[in-house]
Amino acid sequence: MCVSRFMSGPYAPPRPPVFYDAHMRFPVWLFDFDGTLVDSEALILASFHHATQQVLGETPSDEVLRSGIGLTLEQQAENLAGDRADELFRVYVEHNQAAHATLLRGFDGIDAMLARLGAQGARLGIVTAKIRSTLELGIDTAGLDRSRFEVLVAKEDTTLHKPEPEPLLLALDQLGADPADAVYVGDSPFDLRAAHAAGTTPAAAMWGGIFDRHELLAERPQLVFESPADVLAGEAAA
């Protein structure tokens, strides 16, 4: 497997990949959901547009809305609506779940990536800040094979959430796995901070497209994947 590792510091300029032992394998691969396993940006933004307009009478910029993707919906609603957060949460969820069929998209290569990892004997899991009902709806809508994943950690499963490490540590505990044996692949700064805090290997999913590339590199990911095809394909470029 070819991977690129970053020097310490907030950001190191792009450099050629560093090649490692081709037989090196991580036994456990954990994935974020939104922006990593599914392309949900349009769905999320449409739901926030609808909810903020209905509840607040105005819609923040997409830049503001994108900046909170990866946090729990409760936290995003509180940040946007203050004492009307519960109402915003409810209106968002109603719109979001109804719009899955028309707005949720898949990323090319996800099924093949998961199949490659499974063929290598890797144990797979999803760790997300989404509420469980919406996570399960997303898995089914995207046509992901749920049987591939040994563990699903959703918002309700922990008290603390990303960027805190608790969701990742819960997944590892359920798998009986050590953090040093695990990779966490995510597309947001919150994912990478949680991976560092949990002692897992942080991997940036650059195909997500929600966050700026330099924002992700500033979080010092140890692995950088430009596309799902890069995962165990032999190369991860910085």
Protein backbone atom coordinates (compact mmCIF):
# COMPACT_ATOMS: atom_id res chain seq x y z
CA MET A 1 0.00 0.00 0.00
CA CYS A 2 1.31 3.40 -0.88
CA VAL A 3 0.49 6.17 1.53
CA SER A 4 1.59 9.72 2.16
CA ARG A 5 2.41 10.83 5.70
CA PHE A 6 2.67 14.44 6.83
CA MET A 7 5.36 16.11 8.87
CA SER A 8 4.37 17.75 12.13
CA GLY A 9 3.00 21.28 11.98
CA PRO A 10 -0.24 22.79 10.75
CA TYR A 11 0.46 22.23 7.06
CA ALA A 12 3.26 20.75 4.97
CA PRO A 13 3.37 21.49 1.22
CA PRO A 14 2.31 18.67 -1.12
CA ARG A 15 5.11 16.22 -1.84
CA PRO A 16 5.49 12.88 -3.63
CA PRO A 17 3.89 9.83 -2.01
CA VAL A 18 6.01 7.76 0.37
CA PHE A 19 5.94 4.04 -0.37
CA TYR A 20 5.49 1.51 2.41
CA ASP A 21 5.55 -2.24 2.65
CA ALA A 22 2.89 -3.49 0.25
CA HIS A 23 1.89 -6.10 2.83
CA MET A 24 1.09 -3.50 5.51
CA ARG A 25 -2.61 -3.73 6.37
CA PHE A 26 -4.93 -2.08 8.85
CA PRO A 27 -7.34 -4.66 10.32
CA VAL A 28 -10.12 -2.11 10.96
CA TRP A 29 -11.50 0.60 8.66
CA LEU A 30 -14.08 3.01 10.06
CA PHE A 31 -15.88 5.52 7.85
CA ASP A 32 -17.79 8.73 8.28
CA PHE A 33 -21.05 8.73 6.31
CA ASP A 34 -21.98 12.13 4.80
CA GLY A 35 -19.41 13.24 2.23
CA THR A 36 -17.47 10.00 2.63
CA LEU A 37 -19.70 7.03 1.81
CA VAL A 38 -22.50 9.08 0.23
CA ASP A 39 -22.73 12.39 -1.62
CA SER A 40 -25.25 14.20 0.55
CA GLU A 41 -24.14 17.82 0.18
CA ALA A 42 -27.09 18.84 -2.02
CA LEU A 43 -29.51 17.06 0.31
CA ILE A 44 -28.08 18.69 3.44
CA LEU A 45 -28.00 22.19 1.96
CA ALA A 46 -31.54 21.90 0.58
CA SER A 47 -32.82 20.79 3.98
CA PHE A 48 -31.08 23.66 5.75
CA HIS A 49 -32.38 26.13 3.16
CA HIS A 50 -35.93 24.89 3.76
CA ALA A 51 -35.68 24.73 7.55
CA THR A 52 -33.97 28.08 8.13
CA GLN A 53 -36.34 29.88 5.77
CA GLN A 54 -39.40 28.35 7.41
CA VAL A 55 -38.25 28.78 11.02
CA LEU A 56 -36.08 31.89 10.86
CA GLY A 57 -37.36 33.65 7.76
CA GLU A 58 -33.87 33.83 6.29
CA THR A 59 -31.20 31.46 5.03
CA PRO A 60 -27.50 31.68 5.96
CA SER A 61 -24.92 31.43 3.21
CA ASP A 62 -23.92 27.99 1.97
CA GLU A 63 -20.43 28.70 3.33
CA VAL A 64 -21.86 29.03 6.84
CA LEU A 65 -24.00 25.91 6.41
CA ARG A 66 -21.13 23.79 5.06
CA SER A 67 -18.87 24.78 7.95
CA GLY A 68 -21.01 22.83 10.40
CA ILE A 69 -21.43 19.63 8.39
CA GLY A 70 -19.97 16.84 10.46
CA LEU A 71 -21.28 18.14 13.77
CA THR A 72 -24.52 16.76 15.19
CA LEU A 73 -27.69 18.26 13.77
CA GLU A 74 -28.59 19.42 17.31
CA GLN A 75 -25.37 21.42 17.49
CA GLN A 76 -25.88 22.87 14.02
CA ALA A 77 -29.47 23.82 14.88
CA GLU A 78 -28.37 25.50 18.10
CA ASN A 79 -25.65 27.42 16.27
CA LEU A 80 -28.14 28.61 13.65
CA ALA A 81 -31.36 29.09 15.62
CA GLY A 82 -30.55 29.49 19.31
CA ASP A 83 -33.71 29.04 21.38
CA ARG A 84 -35.59 27.85 18.27
CA ALA A 85 -33.15 25.01 17.71
CA ASP A 86 -35.69 22.27 18.47
CA GLU A 87 -38.08 23.62 15.86
CA LEU A 88 -35.31 23.92 13.27
CA PHE A 89 -34.20 20.36 14.04
CA ARG A 90 -37.73 19.00 13.51
CA VAL A 91 -38.35 20.87 10.24
CA TYR A 92 -34.92 19.88 8.91
CA VAL A 93 -35.41 16.18 9.66
CA GLU A 94 -38.86 16.10 8.05
CA HIS A 95 -37.55 17.68 4.85
CA ASN A 96 -34.30 15.72 4.82
CA GLN A 97 -35.85 12.29 5.19
CA ALA A 98 -38.53 13.04 2.58
CA ALA A 99 -35.90 14.29 0.09
CA HIS A 100 -33.50 11.33 0.33
CA ALA A 101 -34.94 9.58 -2.71
CA THR A 102 -34.41 12.59 -4.98
CA LEU A 103 -31.29 14.30 -3.61
CA LEU A 104 -29.02 11.66 -2.04
CA ARG A 105 -26.30 10.47 -4.41
CA GLY A 106 -23.55 7.89 -4.30
CA PHE A 107 -19.86 8.35 -5.06
CA ASP A 108 -18.31 6.36 -7.87
CA GLY A 109 -16.14 3.56 -6.54
CA ILE A 110 -17.53 3.19 -3.01
CA ASP A 111 -18.90 -0.32 -3.52
CA ALA A 112 -15.65 -1.45 -5.14
CA MET A 113 -13.62 0.11 -2.31
CA LEU A 114 -15.65 -1.68 0.35
CA ALA A 115 -15.42 -4.94 -1.58
CA ARG A 116 -11.61 -4.61 -1.85
CA LEU A 117 -11.29 -3.98 1.87
CA GLY A 118 -13.52 -6.94 2.64
CA ALA A 119 -11.50 -9.18 0.35
CA GLN A 120 -8.39 -8.17 2.31
CA GLY A 121 -10.12 -9.31 5.50
CA ALA A 122 -10.65 -5.82 6.91
CA ARG A 123 -13.42 -5.24 9.45
CA LEU A 124 -15.61 -2.28 8.52
CA GLY A 125 -17.75 0.17 10.43
CA ILE A 126 -19.56 3.50 10.13
CA VAL A 127 -19.16 6.23 12.75
CA THR A 128 -21.34 9.27 12.17
CA ALA A 129 -22.99 12.17 13.99
CA LYS A 130 -26.25 11.49 12.11
CA ILE A 131 -29.31 10.32 13.99
CA ARG A 132 -29.80 6.58 13.52
CA SER A 133 -33.07 6.71 11.58
CA THR A 134 -31.55 9.01 8.96
CA LEU A 135 -28.34 6.96 8.80
CA GLU A 136 -30.29 3.77 8.13
CA LEU A 137 -32.43 5.57 5.54
CA GLY A 138 -29.27 6.83 3.84
CA ILE A 139 -27.68 3.37 3.75
CA ASP A 140 -30.78 1.91 2.14
CA THR A 141 -31.33 4.81 -0.28
CA ALA A 142 -27.71 4.68 -1.46
CA GLY A 143 -27.93 0.91 -1.91
CA LEU A 144 -25.01 0.17 0.39
CA ASP A 145 -24.69 -3.42 1.57
CA ARG A 146 -25.37 -3.13 5.28
CA SER A 147 -23.93 -6.59 5.92
CA ARG A 148 -20.45 -5.28 5.10
CA PHE A 149 -20.42 -3.21 8.30
CA GLU A 150 -19.88 -4.91 11.64
CA VAL A 151 -20.67 -1.78 13.61
CA LEU A 152 -22.79 1.33 13.09
CA VAL A 153 -22.33 4.17 15.57
CA ALA A 154 -24.90 6.98 15.29
CA LYS A 155 -25.55 10.16 17.24
CA GLU A 156 -27.72 8.49 19.89
CA ASP A 157 -25.00 6.01 20.86
CA THR A 158 -22.71 8.41 22.74
CA THR A 159 -23.06 11.46 24.95
CA LEU A 160 -20.10 13.26 23.37
CA HIS A 161 -19.68 13.55 19.62
CA LYS A 162 -17.03 14.33 17.02
CA PRO A 163 -14.57 15.99 17.26
CA GLU A 164 -14.46 14.20 20.62
CA PRO A 165 -13.16 10.60 20.33
CA GLU A 166 -16.05 8.82 22.10
CA PRO A 167 -17.91 7.62 18.98
CA LEU A 168 -14.76 6.08 17.54
CA LEU A 169 -13.79 4.53 20.85
CA LEU A 170 -17.26 2.99 21.15
CA ALA A 171 -16.97 1.44 17.69
CA LEU A 172 -13.56 0.01 18.56
CA ASP A 173 -14.86 -1.33 21.85
CA GLN A 174 -17.72 -3.06 20.06
CA LEU A 175 -15.24 -4.60 17.63
CA GLY A 176 -12.79 -5.52 20.38
CA ALA A 177 -10.12 -3.65 18.41
CA ASP A 178 -7.17 -1.47 19.35
CA PRO A 179 -7.06 2.14 18.08
CA ALA A 180 -3.59 1.56 16.63
CA ASP A 181 -5.07 -1.06 14.30
CA ALA A 182 -7.76 1.24 12.92
CA VAL A 183 -8.12 3.88 10.22
CA TYR A 184 -10.89 6.47 10.33
CA VAL A 185 -11.76 7.90 6.91
CA GLY A 186 -13.64 11.18 6.86
CA ASP A 187 -14.14 14.33 4.82
CA SER A 188 -14.36 16.96 7.56
CA PRO A 189 -11.95 18.55 10.04
CA PHE A 190 -14.15 17.15 12.84
CA ASP A 191 -13.55 13.61 11.57
CA LEU A 192 -9.79 14.04 11.49
CA ARG A 193 -9.66 15.63 14.95
CA ALA A 194 -11.71 12.76 16.36
CA ALA A 195 -9.40 10.23 14.71
CA HIS A 196 -6.33 11.88 16.25
CA ALA A 197 -8.00 12.07 19.67
CA ALA A 198 -9.00 8.40 19.55
CA GLY A 199 -5.51 7.22 18.59
CA THR A 200 -6.60 5.88 15.22
CA THR A 201 -4.96 6.70 11.88
CA PRO A 202 -6.69 9.80 10.43
CA ALA A 203 -7.45 9.50 6.70
CA ALA A 204 -8.81 12.39 4.62
CA ALA A 205 -11.46 11.57 2.02
CA MET A 206 -10.70 14.31 -0.49
CA TRP A 207 -13.54 13.24 -2.76
CA GLY A 208 -16.11 14.67 -0.34
CA GLY A 209 -15.76 18.20 -1.68
CA ILE A 210 -17.59 19.91 1.19
CA PHE A 211 -14.47 21.25 2.93
CA ASP A 212 -11.52 23.01 1.37
CA ARG A 213 -8.49 20.83 0.72
CA HIS A 214 -6.21 23.00 2.84
CA GLU A 215 -8.66 22.83 5.76
CA LEU A 216 -8.27 19.06 5.75
CA LEU A 217 -4.51 19.07 5.28
CA ALA A 218 -4.20 21.48 8.21
CA GLU A 219 -5.59 18.68 10.43
CA ARG A 220 -2.49 16.57 9.64
CA PRO A 221 -4.14 13.45 8.20
CA GLN A 222 -1.73 10.53 8.05
CA LEU A 223 -3.41 9.16 4.92
CA VAL A 224 -4.85 11.21 2.07
CA PHE A 225 -7.13 9.55 -0.47
CA GLU A 226 -8.09 11.49 -3.57
CA SER A 227 -10.81 9.01 -4.55
CA PRO A 228 -12.30 5.75 -3.25
CA ALA A 229 -10.17 3.95 -5.82
CA ASP A 230 -7.05 5.04 -3.92
CA VAL A 231 -8.02 3.03 -0.83
CA LEU A 232 -5.88 -0.14 -0.98
CA ALA A 233 -5.28 0.51 -4.66
CA GLY A 234 -1.60 1.16 -4.00
CA GLU A 235 -1.44 4.94 -3.86
CA ALA A 236 -2.57 7.80 -1.68
CA ALA A 237 -1.31 11.17 -2.90
CA ALA A 238 -0.83 14.29 -0.83
